[in-house]
Amino acid sequence: MLVSADRPIPRIALPVRRAAPIDLCRVTLWSLICVIVTGTRADPDLWGHLKFGLDMLATGAIHTADSYSFTADRPWINHEWLAELLTALAYSPLGPTGLILLKLSVIAVVGAILWVVATREGAHPLVRDVFVTGTLFATYSRLIVVRPQMFSVAIFCILLYLFREWDRGRRRALWIVPALFAIWTNLHGGWIVGLAVLGVWAAGDVWESRDLRRAATLGAVVAASLAATLANPYGIGLWQFLAETVRPARPEITDWKPLLEFPPAVLAIEAILPIAAAAALWMGRSRFKLPVRDLAVVGLLTVATFRVGRVDAFLQTAIAILLAPQIVAWLNNLRPPLRASLRRESAAVAAVGLAIATYATVIGVQNVRSIRVEGYWIPDKAAAVLLRDARPGARVLTWFDWGEYALWQFSPAGILISMDGRRETVYSDRLIKDHFRFYDGAADMVSYPDRIGADHVWLPSHFPIIERLTAAGWIRILDTGKSVVLARRGDPIDYRADAASGPNAFPWP
């Protein structure tokens, strides 16, 4: 074929597939939340929860008689036995990493529900990510530790999701709720909050619909859910136990303090989602009708959270899931122009996104390998190890915050303790009050160790009762500078620096 010299050669345009644009906002969001949720701190009760679970694995039975404390004066109602068993199952093959993966699995359930809710409300991808990561951040303080309460947060989210399914016409969805409560009852006492929310939501739905058929269905679901809580090793005894012991007044436990007594930084985090929801409701007041039942649930949880701060995760997830239509619509309208400027197909943006994602991955992998032990309450592991090796079979009066670490360390040596974080599940109210009066240095409590039959006292060095005890004839047999071990008689325990060696990581040692 001849081509004229003055005629241009035709060019064929080949399709070029461009790389997907890098959304730096979304990469940053997910990287940040990855770093946050993979970080894990030890809770003072973690040693006990794991120990009880491991004992269940070893014996194949739930303990009803306490074998760790010499002062326990009531039958042991272990209402968190299933959570402890799951903890032990996760720990046995993988150690601390297994516990972290268990926690991340629970967070994944919460995140998946939030993702589905936002998607069904038509959230823009960036808005969906803000909605999910923002809610996870708001519940961060309840999900950073491995404890039975994390299961309550996940199950509560499932409960709220089933409420939404009912609204979408899936009437059979609510019949999953009784089975949910049968499981929840054996995991954590938070099911009481869930049952109250179910009752308020159902009553509000009946009030608004005035439909007898709906009322009959919801009434049956509530009744079946209440009956399902009897599916536990103690039957109605669990109800009796909770009726006697559940109360908001627990000033010695940080989580049980009123919300406004939390540190300012925590309050700032707590306020983010409620403020966003309030703004969304105000801006969308002409477009959305807020169901009274949902408002009643949020109101109930708001009052509960102001009285008992640990209810905050329930409030945050209820705001996010029940008010999702308003929040998502508001966020969709607020997508900043900056998002478009950052979404560029450029090497610079790609490099920044890659660097952020790489950093988050490295930190996340490191976080999954260990559980940090930090905080004002940290046990004196040097004293624990030395006391364990030197005084097998002893009876030790312990500080409340160190109790479950103490039983983890001491029980293999046959050492019994006087107090731990199980509180009213094994101790009477009188015994708990006596211990705290002793810790505070009450003059009439100097004889308390003798009255309960303790032959050793192990307390933080700054406790005022220590000087009173030494004046009454107790001998310092070990002083590490952080804690003191006192005894009525016996040789001093030599301090060894290597007893405190090793990283500050669970189980320590």
Protein backbone atom coordinates (compact mmCIF):
# COMPACT_ATOMS: atom_id res chain seq x y z
CA MET A 1 0.00 0.00 0.00
CA LEU A 2 1.44 3.38 -1.04
CA VAL A 3 1.09 6.45 1.19
CA SER A 4 1.33 9.93 -0.24
CA ALA A 5 4.22 11.95 1.10
CA ASP A 6 1.95 14.90 1.87
CA ARG A 7 -0.68 12.78 3.66
CA PRO A 8 -0.09 12.16 7.40
CA ILE A 9 0.18 8.58 8.52
CA PRO A 10 -2.94 7.72 10.54
CA ARG A 11 -2.34 6.98 14.22
CA ILE A 12 -4.18 4.31 16.08
CA ALA A 13 -5.18 5.32 19.62
CA LEU A 14 -4.58 2.38 21.92
CA PRO A 15 -6.54 2.27 25.19
CA VAL A 16 -4.35 3.08 28.18
CA ARG A 17 -5.44 1.75 31.55
CA ARG A 18 -4.68 4.26 34.22
CA ALA A 19 -3.90 3.36 37.77
CA ALA A 20 -6.67 3.82 40.29
CA PRO A 21 -6.43 7.24 41.93
CA ILE A 22 -5.01 7.43 45.44
CA ASP A 23 -7.44 8.83 47.98
CA LEU A 24 -5.08 10.14 50.62
CA CYS A 25 -7.91 10.95 53.02
CA ARG A 26 -9.15 7.38 53.08
CA VAL A 27 -5.68 5.88 53.29
CA THR A 28 -4.90 8.13 56.26
CA LEU A 29 -8.17 7.27 58.01
CA TRP A 30 -7.71 3.53 57.76
CA SER A 31 -4.03 3.74 58.65
CA LEU A 32 -4.86 5.73 61.76
CA ILE A 33 -7.57 3.35 62.89
CA CYS A 34 -5.28 0.37 62.19
CA VAL A 35 -2.67 1.77 64.56
CA ILE A 36 -5.31 2.53 67.19
CA VAL A 37 -7.22 -0.76 67.24
CA THR A 38 -4.15 -3.01 67.10
CA GLY A 39 -2.66 -1.38 70.19
CA THR A 40 -3.63 -3.36 73.30
CA ARG A 41 -3.11 -2.64 76.99
CA ALA A 42 -3.43 -5.06 79.87
CA ASP A 43 -6.38 -4.57 82.16
CA PRO A 44 -5.90 -5.27 85.92
CA ASP A 45 -8.33 -8.18 85.60
CA LEU A 46 -6.80 -9.77 82.49
CA TRP A 47 -4.65 -12.21 84.46
CA GLY A 48 -7.66 -13.47 86.38
CA HIS A 49 -9.90 -13.83 83.34
CA LEU A 50 -7.21 -15.83 81.57
CA LYS A 51 -6.41 -17.94 84.63
CA PHE A 52 -10.05 -18.86 85.18
CA GLY A 53 -10.44 -19.76 81.51
CA LEU A 54 -7.30 -21.91 81.50
CA ASP A 55 -8.54 -23.70 84.61
CA MET A 56 -11.84 -24.44 82.84
CA LEU A 57 -9.91 -25.88 79.91
CA ALA A 58 -7.85 -28.03 82.27
CA THR A 59 -10.74 -29.35 84.35
CA GLY A 60 -13.60 -29.25 81.85
CA ALA A 61 -15.85 -27.60 84.43
CA ILE A 62 -16.95 -24.17 85.64
CA HIS A 63 -15.68 -23.52 89.16
CA THR A 64 -18.37 -22.78 91.71
CA ALA A 65 -16.07 -22.79 94.76
CA ASP A 66 -13.21 -20.32 94.99
CA SER A 67 -9.72 -21.81 95.33
CA TYR A 68 -7.64 -18.63 95.04
CA SER A 69 -8.67 -16.55 98.05
CA PHE A 70 -8.75 -17.27 101.78
CA THR A 71 -11.38 -14.62 102.54
CA ALA A 72 -14.05 -15.48 99.94
CA ASP A 73 -17.33 -15.55 101.85
CA ARG A 74 -19.99 -16.11 99.21
CA PRO A 75 -20.57 -18.67 96.42
CA TRP A 76 -18.73 -17.79 93.23
CA ILE A 77 -21.13 -16.64 90.50
CA ASN A 78 -18.86 -16.42 87.48
CA HIS A 79 -21.18 -14.60 85.09
CA GLU A 80 -18.36 -14.09 82.55
CA TRP A 81 -17.30 -17.73 82.28
CA LEU A 82 -17.83 -18.00 78.51
CA ALA A 83 -15.76 -14.88 77.81
CA GLU A 84 -12.98 -16.33 79.96
CA LEU A 85 -13.16 -19.65 78.15
CA LEU A 86 -12.85 -17.88 74.78
CA THR A 87 -9.91 -15.92 76.17
CA ALA A 88 -8.16 -19.14 77.18
CA LEU A 89 -8.88 -20.77 73.82
CA ALA A 90 -7.31 -17.79 72.05
CA TYR A 91 -4.30 -17.68 74.38
CA SER A 92 -3.43 -21.37 74.46
CA PRO A 93 -2.07 -21.72 70.91
CA LEU A 94 -0.77 -18.18 70.26
CA GLY A 95 -0.09 -16.52 73.61
CA PRO A 96 -0.72 -12.75 73.81
CA THR A 97 -1.07 -12.57 70.02
CA GLY A 98 -4.07 -14.87 70.26
CA LEU A 99 -5.73 -12.50 72.74
CA ILE A 100 -5.10 -9.54 70.45
CA LEU A 101 -6.51 -11.41 67.45
CA LEU A 102 -9.60 -12.24 69.53
CA LYS A 103 -10.02 -8.55 70.32
CA LEU A 104 -9.54 -7.62 66.66
CA SER A 105 -12.19 -10.18 65.67
CA VAL A 106 -14.67 -8.47 67.98
CA ILE A 107 -13.75 -5.06 66.56
CA ALA A 108 -14.17 -6.47 63.04
CA VAL A 109 -17.77 -7.45 63.90
CA VAL A 110 -18.50 -3.90 65.08
CA GLY A 111 -16.77 -2.40 62.03
CA ALA A 112 -18.59 -4.69 59.59
CA ILE A 113 -22.00 -3.72 61.00
CA LEU A 114 -21.15 -0.03 60.78
CA TRP A 115 -19.91 -0.53 57.20
CA VAL A 116 -23.16 -2.23 56.12
CA VAL A 117 -25.30 0.40 57.84
CA ALA A 118 -23.44 3.28 56.18
CA THR A 119 -23.51 1.60 52.77
CA ARG A 120 -27.26 1.00 52.93
CA GLU A 121 -27.76 4.66 53.78
CA GLY A 122 -26.02 5.64 50.54
CA ALA A 123 -22.83 6.95 52.10
CA HIS A 124 -20.12 8.19 49.77
CA PRO A 125 -17.00 5.97 50.16
CA LEU A 126 -15.15 8.69 52.07
CA VAL A 127 -18.20 9.36 54.25
CA ARG A 128 -18.58 5.65 54.93
CA ASP A 129 -14.96 5.46 56.05
CA VAL A 130 -15.35 8.51 58.29
CA PHE A 131 -18.52 7.01 59.78
CA VAL A 132 -16.91 3.62 60.51
CA THR A 133 -13.53 4.82 61.75
CA GLY A 134 -15.08 7.67 63.73
CA THR A 135 -17.38 5.31 65.63
CA LEU A 136 -14.57 2.84 66.29
CA PHE A 137 -12.48 5.71 67.63
CA ALA A 138 -15.36 6.79 69.87
CA THR A 139 -15.51 3.29 71.40
CA TYR A 140 -11.72 3.03 71.56
CA SER A 141 -11.48 3.16 75.37
CA ARG A 142 -13.68 0.05 75.70
CA LEU A 143 -11.98 -1.94 72.94
CA ILE A 144 -8.30 -1.27 73.69
CA VAL A 145 -8.22 -3.93 76.40
CA VAL A 146 -9.05 -7.63 76.29
CA ARG A 147 -11.95 -7.98 78.68
CA PRO A 148 -15.47 -9.46 78.63
CA GLN A 149 -17.02 -6.04 78.01
CA MET A 150 -15.76 -6.05 74.43
CA PHE A 151 -18.16 -8.91 73.65
CA SER A 152 -21.02 -6.81 74.99
CA VAL A 153 -20.16 -3.98 72.58
CA ALA A 154 -20.21 -6.35 69.60
CA ILE A 155 -23.45 -8.09 70.61
CA PHE A 156 -25.11 -4.75 71.29
CA CYS A 157 -24.24 -3.66 67.75
CA ILE A 158 -25.80 -6.86 66.41
CA LEU A 159 -28.94 -6.10 68.45
CA LEU A 160 -29.17 -2.60 66.97
CA TYR A 161 -28.62 -4.01 63.49
CA LEU A 162 -31.52 -6.41 64.00
CA PHE A 163 -33.69 -3.43 64.95
CA ARG A 164 -32.87 -1.92 61.56
CA GLU A 165 -33.65 -5.20 59.80
CA TRP A 166 -37.09 -5.16 61.42
CA ASP A 167 -37.64 -1.70 59.96
CA ARG A 168 -36.59 -2.96 56.54
CA GLY A 169 -39.43 -5.47 56.62
CA ARG A 170 -37.47 -8.52 57.73
CA ARG A 171 -39.82 -9.44 60.55
CA ARG A 172 -38.10 -12.73 61.30
CA ALA A 173 -34.85 -10.97 62.13
CA LEU A 174 -35.97 -10.17 65.67
CA TRP A 175 -36.37 -13.85 66.46
CA ILE A 176 -32.58 -14.04 66.51
CA VAL A 177 -32.62 -11.74 69.55
CA PRO A 178 -33.49 -14.41 72.20
CA ALA A 179 -30.59 -16.59 71.00
CA LEU A 180 -28.39 -13.51 71.20
CA PHE A 181 -29.31 -13.01 74.85
CA ALA A 182 -28.72 -16.68 75.66
CA ILE A 183 -25.12 -16.22 74.53
CA TRP A 184 -24.72 -12.72 75.95
CA THR A 185 -25.79 -13.78 79.43
CA ASN A 186 -22.78 -16.07 79.71
CA LEU A 187 -20.30 -13.57 78.31
CA HIS A 188 -20.79 -10.37 80.29
CA GLY A 189 -23.24 -8.58 82.54
CA GLY A 190 -23.83 -5.92 79.89
CA TRP A 191 -26.84 -7.95 78.76
CA ILE A 192 -28.82 -6.06 81.41
CA VAL A 193 -28.31 -2.84 79.45
CA GLY A 194 -29.22 -4.67 76.25
CA LEU A 195 -32.44 -6.01 77.74
CA ALA A 196 -33.42 -2.56 78.97
CA VAL A 197 -32.77 -1.13 75.50
CA LEU A 198 -34.80 -3.91 73.89
CA GLY A 199 -37.72 -3.20 76.20
CA VAL A 200 -37.64 0.56 75.61
CA TRP A 201 -37.29 0.16 71.85
CA ALA A 202 -40.13 -2.36 71.65
CA ALA A 203 -42.42 -0.21 73.81
CA GLY A 204 -41.64 2.82 71.65
CA ASP A 205 -42.37 0.89 68.46
CA VAL A 206 -45.72 -0.29 69.82
CA TRP A 207 -46.59 3.24 70.91
CA GLU A 208 -45.85 4.68 67.48
CA SER A 209 -47.38 1.93 65.35
CA ARG A 210 -50.47 1.19 67.46
CA ASP A 211 -50.47 -2.17 65.65
CA LEU A 212 -51.67 -5.11 67.75
CA ARG A 213 -49.92 -7.64 65.53
CA ARG A 214 -46.59 -5.83 65.87
CA ALA A 215 -47.18 -5.48 69.58
CA ALA A 216 -47.77 -9.23 69.97
CA THR A 217 -44.60 -10.07 68.03
CA LEU A 218 -42.43 -7.62 69.95
CA GLY A 219 -43.92 -8.72 73.26
CA ALA A 220 -43.11 -12.34 72.45
CA VAL A 221 -39.54 -11.43 71.47
CA VAL A 222 -38.98 -9.50 74.71
CA ALA A 223 -40.45 -12.34 76.80
CA ALA A 224 -38.37 -14.96 74.98
CA SER A 225 -35.24 -12.84 75.42
CA LEU A 226 -35.87 -12.52 79.13
CA ALA A 227 -36.38 -16.28 79.42
CA ALA A 228 -33.18 -16.87 77.41
CA THR A 229 -31.14 -15.20 80.13
CA LEU A 230 -31.93 -18.22 82.31
CA ALA A 231 -29.76 -20.32 79.99
CA ASN A 232 -26.72 -20.06 82.25
CA PRO A 233 -25.05 -22.40 84.77
CA TYR A 234 -26.78 -20.68 87.70
CA GLY A 235 -30.31 -20.35 86.32
CA ILE A 236 -32.42 -17.88 88.26
CA GLY A 237 -29.57 -17.63 90.75
CA LEU A 238 -27.86 -15.30 88.29
CA TRP A 239 -30.86 -12.95 88.42
CA GLN A 240 -30.75 -12.99 92.21
CA PHE A 241 -27.03 -12.32 92.23
CA LEU A 242 -27.33 -9.37 89.84
CA ALA A 243 -30.31 -7.94 91.76
CA GLU A 244 -28.17 -7.91 94.90
CA THR A 245 -24.94 -6.62 93.41
CA VAL A 246 -25.51 -4.44 90.33
CA ARG A 247 -25.51 -0.79 91.34
CA PRO A 248 -23.96 2.41 90.00
CA ALA A 249 -22.06 3.31 93.19
CA ARG A 250 -18.55 1.90 92.76
CA PRO A 251 -16.26 4.91 93.35
CA GLU A 252 -13.11 2.80 93.67
CA ILE A 253 -13.44 1.54 90.06
CA THR A 254 -12.54 4.11 87.41
CA ASP A 255 -14.90 2.73 84.75
CA TRP A 256 -17.88 2.98 87.08
CA LYS A 257 -17.44 6.66 87.83
CA PRO A 258 -19.91 9.19 86.40
CA LEU A 259 -18.99 10.38 82.91
CA LEU A 260 -18.14 13.94 83.97
CA GLU A 261 -15.44 12.61 86.32
CA PHE A 262 -13.46 11.24 83.37
CA PRO A 263 -10.31 13.12 82.24
CA PRO A 264 -10.91 16.09 79.88
CA ALA A 265 -9.17 14.33 76.97
CA VAL A 266 -11.55 11.38 77.28
CA LEU A 267 -14.55 13.69 77.50
CA ALA A 268 -13.41 15.42 74.31
CA ILE A 269 -13.38 12.08 72.48
CA GLU A 270 -16.74 11.13 73.98
CA ALA A 271 -18.29 14.37 72.68
CA ILE A 272 -17.30 14.05 68.99
CA LEU A 273 -20.02 11.67 67.81
CA PRO A 274 -22.87 13.14 69.90
CA ILE A 275 -22.03 16.64 68.62
CA ALA A 276 -21.94 15.38 65.03
CA ALA A 277 -25.28 13.63 65.54
CA ALA A 278 -26.83 16.76 67.05
CA ALA A 279 -25.66 18.81 64.06
CA ALA A 280 -27.00 16.20 61.65
CA LEU A 281 -30.40 16.16 63.38
CA TRP A 282 -30.61 19.92 63.30
CA MET A 283 -29.63 20.24 59.64
CA GLY A 284 -31.94 17.42 58.55
CA ARG A 285 -34.91 18.28 60.73
CA SER A 286 -37.09 19.05 57.73
CA ARG A 287 -36.17 15.84 55.86
CA PHE A 288 -36.08 13.18 58.53
CA LYS A 289 -38.54 12.12 61.14
CA LEU A 290 -36.76 10.68 64.14
CA PRO A 291 -38.69 7.72 65.61
CA VAL A 292 -39.61 8.24 69.24
CA ARG A 293 -38.39 4.74 70.09
CA ASP A 294 -34.87 5.52 68.81
CA LEU A 295 -34.84 8.82 70.65
CA ALA A 296 -35.93 6.99 73.81
CA VAL A 297 -33.07 4.48 73.47
CA VAL A 298 -30.49 7.23 72.99
CA GLY A 299 -31.98 9.16 75.90
CA LEU A 300 -31.88 6.12 78.17
CA LEU A 301 -28.25 5.42 77.33
CA THR A 302 -27.31 9.08 77.73
CA VAL A 303 -28.69 9.14 81.28
CA ALA A 304 -27.02 5.80 82.04
CA THR A 305 -23.66 7.01 80.69
CA PHE A 306 -23.72 10.17 82.77
CA ARG A 307 -24.28 8.00 85.85
CA VAL A 308 -21.90 5.16 84.93
CA GLY A 309 -19.20 6.07 82.44
CA ARG A 310 -18.57 2.54 81.22
CA VAL A 311 -21.91 2.55 79.38
CA ASP A 312 -20.42 5.04 76.90
CA ALA A 313 -19.66 2.48 74.17
CA PHE A 314 -23.33 1.47 74.11
CA LEU A 315 -24.35 5.11 73.74
CA GLN A 316 -21.83 5.78 70.96
CA THR A 317 -22.85 2.76 68.88
CA ALA A 318 -26.57 3.48 69.43
CA ILE A 319 -26.07 7.04 68.16
CA ALA A 320 -24.17 5.79 65.11
CA ILE A 321 -26.52 2.97 64.12
CA LEU A 322 -29.93 4.35 65.08
CA LEU A 323 -29.21 7.84 63.75
CA ALA A 324 -27.26 6.65 60.70
CA PRO A 325 -29.71 8.12 58.13
CA GLN A 326 -29.30 11.62 59.53
CA ILE A 327 -25.54 11.38 60.15
CA VAL A 328 -24.73 9.91 56.73
CA ALA A 329 -26.88 12.46 54.89
CA TRP A 330 -25.21 15.30 56.77
CA LEU A 331 -21.72 13.97 56.09
CA ASN A 332 -22.53 13.43 52.41
CA ASN A 333 -23.32 17.13 52.17
CA LEU A 334 -20.16 18.11 54.03
CA ARG A 335 -17.57 16.38 51.86
CA PRO A 336 -14.83 19.00 51.74
CA PRO A 337 -13.37 20.31 48.47
CA LEU A 338 -10.01 19.27 49.88
CA ARG A 339 -10.92 15.66 49.19
CA ALA A 340 -10.97 16.33 45.46
CA SER A 341 -7.60 18.09 45.56
CA LEU A 342 -6.02 15.16 47.33
CA ARG A 343 -7.44 12.57 44.94
CA ARG A 344 -4.80 12.96 42.24
CA GLU A 345 -3.10 10.50 39.99
CA SER A 346 0.38 11.71 40.88
CA ALA A 347 3.53 10.03 42.03
CA ALA A 348 3.78 12.39 45.01
CA VAL A 349 0.33 11.50 46.38
CA ALA A 350 0.93 7.82 45.71
CA ALA A 351 4.23 8.01 47.60
CA VAL A 352 2.62 9.71 50.59
CA GLY A 353 -0.22 7.18 50.65
CA LEU A 354 2.22 4.30 50.41
CA ALA A 355 4.36 5.72 53.22
CA ILE A 356 1.34 6.15 55.52
CA ALA A 357 0.03 2.64 54.77
CA THR A 358 3.50 1.12 55.27
CA TYR A 359 3.94 2.89 58.61
CA ALA A 360 0.53 1.71 59.80
CA THR A 361 1.29 -1.86 58.71
CA VAL A 362 4.64 -1.93 60.53
CA ILE A 363 3.14 -0.50 63.72
CA GLY A 364 0.14 -2.80 63.45
CA VAL A 365 2.34 -5.90 63.13
CA GLN A 366 4.35 -4.80 66.16
CA ASN A 367 1.19 -4.11 68.14
CA VAL A 368 -0.23 -7.57 67.43
CA ARG A 369 2.82 -9.20 68.98
CA SER A 370 2.45 -7.93 72.54
CA ILE A 371 0.07 -6.53 75.15
CA ARG A 372 1.49 -3.52 76.97
CA VAL A 373 1.44 -3.38 80.77
CA GLU A 374 1.28 0.26 81.79
CA GLY A 375 -0.56 2.60 84.12
CA TYR A 376 -0.50 3.75 87.72
CA TRP A 377 -1.81 0.37 88.90
CA ILE A 378 1.04 -1.78 87.49
CA PRO A 379 1.86 -4.68 89.84
CA ASP A 380 5.32 -4.98 91.33
CA LYS A 381 6.40 -8.13 89.51
CA ALA A 382 9.75 -8.31 91.32
CA ALA A 383 8.03 -8.55 94.70
CA ALA A 384 5.49 -11.03 93.36
CA VAL A 385 8.13 -13.38 91.95
CA LEU A 386 10.31 -13.21 95.09
CA LEU A 387 7.35 -13.72 97.43
CA ARG A 388 6.07 -16.62 95.34
CA ASP A 389 9.43 -18.41 95.45
CA ALA A 390 10.14 -17.71 99.13
CA ARG A 391 6.76 -18.29 100.79
CA PRO A 392 4.81 -21.15 99.18
CA GLY A 393 1.50 -21.85 100.89
CA ALA A 394 1.28 -18.38 102.46
CA ARG A 395 -1.86 -16.30 103.00
CA VAL A 396 -1.27 -12.81 101.60
CA LEU A 397 -3.34 -9.69 102.12
CA THR A 398 -3.19 -7.99 98.72
CA TRP A 399 -4.14 -4.68 97.13
CA PHE A 400 -7.35 -4.81 95.09
CA ASP A 401 -5.76 -3.72 91.77
CA TRP A 402 -3.02 -6.35 92.05
CA GLY A 403 -5.32 -9.17 93.12
CA GLU A 404 -5.79 -10.99 89.81
CA TYR A 405 -2.12 -10.63 88.86
CA ALA A 406 -1.34 -12.02 92.32
CA LEU A 407 -3.53 -15.09 91.91
CA TRP A 408 -1.94 -15.69 88.47
CA GLN A 409 1.53 -15.63 90.07
CA PHE A 410 0.78 -17.16 93.46
CA SER A 411 -1.75 -19.94 92.87
CA PRO A 412 0.81 -22.39 91.38
CA ALA A 413 2.73 -22.08 94.66
CA GLY A 414 -0.38 -22.64 96.77
CA ILE A 415 -0.42 -19.02 97.97
CA LEU A 416 -3.87 -17.65 98.73
CA ILE A 417 -4.82 -13.97 98.45
CA SER A 418 -7.30 -11.83 100.33
CA MET A 419 -8.84 -9.67 97.58
CA ASP A 420 -8.99 -9.39 93.80
CA GLY A 421 -11.05 -7.77 91.07
CA ARG A 422 -13.87 -10.31 91.21
CA ARG A 423 -15.40 -8.24 94.02
CA GLU A 424 -18.98 -9.25 94.84
CA THR A 425 -18.81 -12.43 92.77
CA VAL A 426 -16.88 -14.01 95.68
CA TYR A 427 -16.74 -11.34 98.42
CA SER A 428 -19.45 -9.79 100.58
CA ASP A 429 -19.97 -6.05 100.60
CA ARG A 430 -18.69 -5.92 104.18
CA LEU A 431 -15.42 -7.61 103.24
CA ILE A 432 -14.86 -5.25 100.31
CA LYS A 433 -15.45 -2.17 102.47
CA ASP A 434 -13.11 -3.50 105.17
CA HIS A 435 -10.32 -3.96 102.65
CA PHE A 436 -10.63 -0.42 101.36
CA ARG A 437 -10.75 1.01 104.86
CA PHE A 438 -7.57 -0.95 105.58
CA TYR A 439 -5.89 0.41 102.43
CA ASP A 440 -6.84 3.96 103.48
CA GLY A 441 -5.09 3.50 106.84
CA ALA A 442 -8.08 3.62 109.21
CA ALA A 443 -6.78 3.44 112.78
CA ASP A 444 -9.13 0.62 113.76
CA MET A 445 -7.94 -1.54 110.84
CA VAL A 446 -4.36 -2.17 112.04
CA SER A 447 -5.48 -5.51 113.45
CA TYR A 448 -7.32 -6.45 110.22
CA PRO A 449 -4.59 -8.78 108.84
CA ASP A 450 -4.69 -10.77 112.11
CA ARG A 451 -8.48 -10.85 112.10
CA ILE A 452 -8.66 -12.41 108.64
CA GLY A 453 -5.72 -14.77 109.25
CA ALA A 454 -3.16 -13.21 106.89
CA ASP A 455 0.48 -14.02 107.58
CA HIS A 456 1.83 -11.64 104.92
CA VAL A 457 0.79 -8.20 103.68
CA TRP A 458 1.80 -7.02 100.19
CA LEU A 459 0.97 -3.42 99.38
CA PRO A 460 2.26 -0.43 97.38
CA SER A 461 4.97 1.42 99.34
CA HIS A 462 2.98 4.67 99.66
CA PHE A 463 -0.01 3.17 101.47
CA PRO A 464 -0.43 4.88 104.88
CA ILE A 465 -1.33 1.65 106.68
CA ILE A 466 2.23 0.36 106.30
CA GLU A 467 3.69 2.63 108.99
CA ARG A 468 0.86 1.72 111.35
CA LEU A 469 1.54 -1.99 110.77
CA THR A 470 5.28 -1.68 111.44
CA ALA A 471 4.51 0.23 114.62
CA ALA A 472 2.25 -2.68 115.63
CA GLY A 473 5.06 -5.21 115.22
CA TRP A 474 4.88 -6.25 111.56
CA ILE A 475 8.31 -6.73 109.95
CA ARG A 476 9.37 -5.55 106.48
CA ILE A 477 10.75 -8.70 104.93
CA LEU A 478 10.96 -7.20 101.42
CA ASP A 479 11.02 -3.61 100.18
CA THR A 480 11.56 -3.07 96.45
CA GLY A 481 10.94 0.65 96.55
CA LYS A 482 7.63 0.14 94.76
CA SER A 483 5.98 -2.25 97.18
CA VAL A 484 6.48 -3.69 100.63
CA VAL A 485 5.97 -7.21 101.97
CA LEU A 486 5.28 -7.40 105.70
CA ALA A 487 5.17 -10.47 107.93
CA ARG A 488 4.67 -11.23 111.60
CA ARG A 489 7.78 -13.38 111.62
CA GLY A 490 10.33 -14.85 109.25
CA ASP A 491 13.64 -14.06 107.60
CA PRO A 492 13.96 -11.20 105.10
CA ILE A 493 13.62 -12.03 101.42
CA ASP A 494 16.72 -11.06 99.47
CA TYR A 495 16.03 -8.65 96.65
CA ARG A 496 17.25 -9.71 93.21
CA ALA A 497 17.32 -7.22 90.37
CA ASP A 498 16.79 -9.98 87.81
CA ALA A 499 13.33 -10.67 89.29
CA ALA A 500 12.11 -7.47 87.59
CA SER A 501 13.88 -8.06 84.28
CA GLY A 502 12.10 -8.39 80.95
CA PRO A 503 9.80 -6.13 78.95
CA ASN A 504 6.61 -4.59 80.29
CA ALA A 505 4.44 -6.96 78.34
CA PHE A 506 1.74 -9.44 79.36
CA PRO A 507 1.81 -11.92 81.08
CA TRP A 508 4.74 -10.18 82.83
CA PRO A 509 6.22 -12.78 83.42
